[in-house]
Amino acid sequence: MKVNIGTIDRILRLVLGLVLIVLAANGTIGWWGWLGLVAVATALFRFCPLYMLLGVNTCPLKSRN
């Protein structure tokens, strides 16, 4: 797996994912809030399979592996 998520993208995914998880756990939003787990996982692994399929890469050139 090559890194394809940049720093800003990673932070946004992590924050949004955690907000969705907290809202789902509180019962504020429905079951779909647990999809925030996907956002958190992609942020932690710095790899998004959908980005790979679409050919998107938000990672800066110098830090790509």
N, C-alpha and C. Protein backbone atom coordinates (compact mmCIF):
# COMPACT_ATOMS: atom_id res chain seq x y z
N MET A 1 0.83 -1.17 0.00
CA MET A 1 0.00 0.00 0.00
C MET A 1 0.88 1.24 0.00
N LYS A 2 0.71 2.06 -0.99
CA LYS A 2 1.44 3.32 -1.05
C LYS A 2 0.62 4.41 -0.37
N VAL A 3 1.29 5.30 0.31
CA VAL A 3 0.63 6.42 0.97
C VAL A 3 0.00 7.32 -0.10
N ASN A 4 -1.28 7.63 0.06
CA ASN A 4 -1.94 8.51 -0.90
C ASN A 4 -2.81 9.57 -0.23
N ILE A 5 -2.61 9.77 1.07
CA ILE A 5 -3.36 10.78 1.80
C ILE A 5 -2.38 11.76 2.43
N GLY A 6 -2.53 13.04 2.11
CA GLY A 6 -1.67 14.09 2.64
C GLY A 6 -2.06 14.50 4.05
N THR A 7 -1.29 15.40 4.62
CA THR A 7 -1.47 15.81 6.01
C THR A 7 -2.82 16.49 6.26
N ILE A 8 -3.18 17.45 5.43
CA ILE A 8 -4.44 18.16 5.63
C ILE A 8 -5.62 17.21 5.45
N ASP A 9 -5.56 16.39 4.43
CA ASP A 9 -6.61 15.40 4.18
C ASP A 9 -6.72 14.44 5.37
N ARG A 10 -5.58 14.04 5.91
CA ARG A 10 -5.53 13.12 7.04
C ARG A 10 -6.19 13.74 8.28
N ILE A 11 -5.87 14.99 8.56
CA ILE A 11 -6.44 15.67 9.73
C ILE A 11 -7.94 15.82 9.59
N LEU A 12 -8.40 16.22 8.39
CA LEU A 12 -9.83 16.38 8.16
C LEU A 12 -10.58 15.06 8.32
N ARG A 13 -10.02 14.00 7.80
CA ARG A 13 -10.66 12.68 7.92
C ARG A 13 -10.74 12.25 9.38
N LEU A 14 -9.67 12.49 10.13
CA LEU A 14 -9.63 12.09 11.53
C LEU A 14 -10.66 12.87 12.35
N VAL A 15 -10.71 14.17 12.17
CA VAL A 15 -11.65 15.01 12.92
C VAL A 15 -13.09 14.67 12.55
N LEU A 16 -13.38 14.62 11.26
CA LEU A 16 -14.74 14.31 10.82
C LEU A 16 -15.17 12.91 11.29
N GLY A 17 -14.27 11.95 11.18
CA GLY A 17 -14.58 10.59 11.61
C GLY A 17 -14.88 10.51 13.09
N LEU A 18 -14.07 11.19 13.90
CA LEU A 18 -14.30 11.17 15.35
C LEU A 18 -15.60 11.88 15.71
N VAL A 19 -15.91 12.97 15.04
CA VAL A 19 -17.18 13.68 15.29
C VAL A 19 -18.36 12.77 14.96
N LEU A 20 -18.30 12.09 13.82
CA LEU A 20 -19.39 11.18 13.44
C LEU A 20 -19.55 10.04 14.45
N ILE A 21 -18.44 9.50 14.91
CA ILE A 21 -18.50 8.40 15.88
C ILE A 21 -19.12 8.86 17.19
N VAL A 22 -18.72 10.03 17.67
CA VAL A 22 -19.27 10.56 18.92
C VAL A 22 -20.76 10.83 18.77
N LEU A 23 -21.17 11.43 17.66
CA LEU A 23 -22.59 11.71 17.44
C LEU A 23 -23.40 10.42 17.34
N ALA A 24 -22.86 9.40 16.73
CA ALA A 24 -23.56 8.11 16.62
C ALA A 24 -23.65 7.44 17.99
N ALA A 25 -22.59 7.54 18.77
CA ALA A 25 -22.60 6.92 20.10
C ALA A 25 -23.59 7.60 21.03
N ASN A 26 -23.79 8.91 20.86
CA ASN A 26 -24.76 9.65 21.67
C ASN A 26 -26.18 9.49 21.19
N GLY A 27 -26.36 8.92 20.02
CA GLY A 27 -27.70 8.75 19.47
C GLY A 27 -28.22 9.99 18.76
N THR A 28 -27.35 10.97 18.53
CA THR A 28 -27.76 12.20 17.85
C THR A 28 -28.05 11.95 16.39
N ILE A 29 -27.25 11.10 15.76
CA ILE A 29 -27.48 10.73 14.37
C ILE A 29 -27.65 9.22 14.31
N GLY A 30 -28.06 8.74 13.18
CA GLY A 30 -28.36 7.32 13.02
C GLY A 30 -27.12 6.44 12.91
N TRP A 31 -27.37 5.22 12.46
CA TRP A 31 -26.32 4.21 12.34
C TRP A 31 -25.22 4.63 11.38
N TRP A 32 -25.52 5.49 10.42
CA TRP A 32 -24.54 5.88 9.41
C TRP A 32 -23.38 6.66 10.02
N GLY A 33 -23.55 7.16 11.22
CA GLY A 33 -22.46 7.86 11.89
C GLY A 33 -21.28 6.96 12.19
N TRP A 34 -21.55 5.66 12.29
CA TRP A 34 -20.47 4.70 12.53
C TRP A 34 -19.57 4.55 11.32
N LEU A 35 -19.98 5.08 10.17
CA LEU A 35 -19.10 5.09 9.00
C LEU A 35 -17.88 5.98 9.25
N GLY A 36 -17.92 6.75 10.30
CA GLY A 36 -16.76 7.54 10.71
C GLY A 36 -15.56 6.66 11.02
N LEU A 37 -15.82 5.39 11.33
CA LEU A 37 -14.72 4.45 11.56
C LEU A 37 -13.87 4.27 10.31
N VAL A 38 -14.50 4.33 9.15
CA VAL A 38 -13.78 4.20 7.88
C VAL A 38 -12.86 5.41 7.69
N ALA A 39 -13.39 6.59 7.99
CA ALA A 39 -12.58 7.80 7.86
C ALA A 39 -11.39 7.78 8.81
N VAL A 40 -11.60 7.32 10.03
CA VAL A 40 -10.51 7.24 11.01
C VAL A 40 -9.48 6.22 10.56
N ALA A 41 -9.93 5.08 10.07
CA ALA A 41 -9.00 4.03 9.62
C ALA A 41 -8.15 4.51 8.45
N THR A 42 -8.77 5.17 7.48
CA THR A 42 -7.99 5.66 6.34
C THR A 42 -7.01 6.74 6.77
N ALA A 43 -7.39 7.53 7.76
CA ALA A 43 -6.47 8.56 8.27
C ALA A 43 -5.27 7.91 8.98
N LEU A 44 -5.53 6.88 9.74
CA LEU A 44 -4.44 6.22 10.47
C LEU A 44 -3.48 5.47 9.54
N PHE A 45 -4.02 4.82 8.52
CA PHE A 45 -3.18 4.07 7.58
C PHE A 45 -2.62 4.93 6.45
N ARG A 46 -3.14 6.16 6.32
CA ARG A 46 -2.73 7.10 5.27
C ARG A 46 -2.91 6.51 3.87
N PHE A 47 -3.92 5.66 3.73
CA PHE A 47 -4.21 5.01 2.46
C PHE A 47 -5.72 4.94 2.26
N CYS A 48 -6.17 5.38 1.09
CA CYS A 48 -7.59 5.34 0.75
C CYS A 48 -7.75 4.51 -0.53
N PRO A 49 -8.43 3.37 -0.44
CA PRO A 49 -8.63 2.54 -1.63
C PRO A 49 -9.39 3.26 -2.74
N LEU A 50 -10.35 4.10 -2.38
CA LEU A 50 -11.11 4.84 -3.38
C LEU A 50 -10.20 5.82 -4.13
N TYR A 51 -9.31 6.48 -3.41
CA TYR A 51 -8.34 7.37 -4.06
C TYR A 51 -7.50 6.58 -5.06
N MET A 52 -7.10 5.36 -4.69
CA MET A 52 -6.29 4.54 -5.58
C MET A 52 -7.06 4.23 -6.87
N LEU A 53 -8.34 3.87 -6.73
CA LEU A 53 -9.16 3.54 -7.90
C LEU A 53 -9.37 4.75 -8.81
N LEU A 54 -9.50 5.93 -8.19
CA LEU A 54 -9.74 7.15 -8.96
C LEU A 54 -8.46 7.83 -9.42
N GLY A 55 -7.31 7.36 -8.94
CA GLY A 55 -6.03 7.96 -9.31
C GLY A 55 -5.74 9.27 -8.60
N VAL A 56 -6.36 9.48 -7.45
CA VAL A 56 -6.16 10.70 -6.67
C VAL A 56 -5.05 10.48 -5.66
N ASN A 57 -4.22 11.50 -5.45
CA ASN A 57 -3.16 11.42 -4.47
C ASN A 57 -2.96 12.81 -3.87
N THR A 58 -3.25 12.97 -2.58
CA THR A 58 -3.10 14.26 -1.92
C THR A 58 -1.81 14.35 -1.12
N CYS A 59 -0.99 13.34 -1.22
CA CYS A 59 0.27 13.30 -0.50
C CYS A 59 1.33 14.10 -1.27
N PRO A 60 2.10 14.93 -0.55
CA PRO A 60 3.17 15.68 -1.24
C PRO A 60 4.19 14.74 -1.88
N LEU A 61 4.78 15.16 -2.95
CA LEU A 61 5.70 14.34 -3.73
C LEU A 61 6.88 13.84 -2.91
N LYS A 62 7.47 14.66 -2.06
CA LYS A 62 8.68 14.28 -1.35
C LYS A 62 8.46 13.19 -0.32
N SER A 63 7.23 13.01 0.18
CA SER A 63 7.01 12.01 1.22
C SER A 63 6.33 10.74 0.71
N ARG A 64 6.15 10.60 -0.58
CA ARG A 64 5.54 9.39 -1.15
C ARG A 64 6.53 8.25 -1.06
N ASN A 65 5.98 7.07 -0.78
CA ASN A 65 6.84 5.87 -0.72
C ASN A 65 6.46 4.92 -1.83
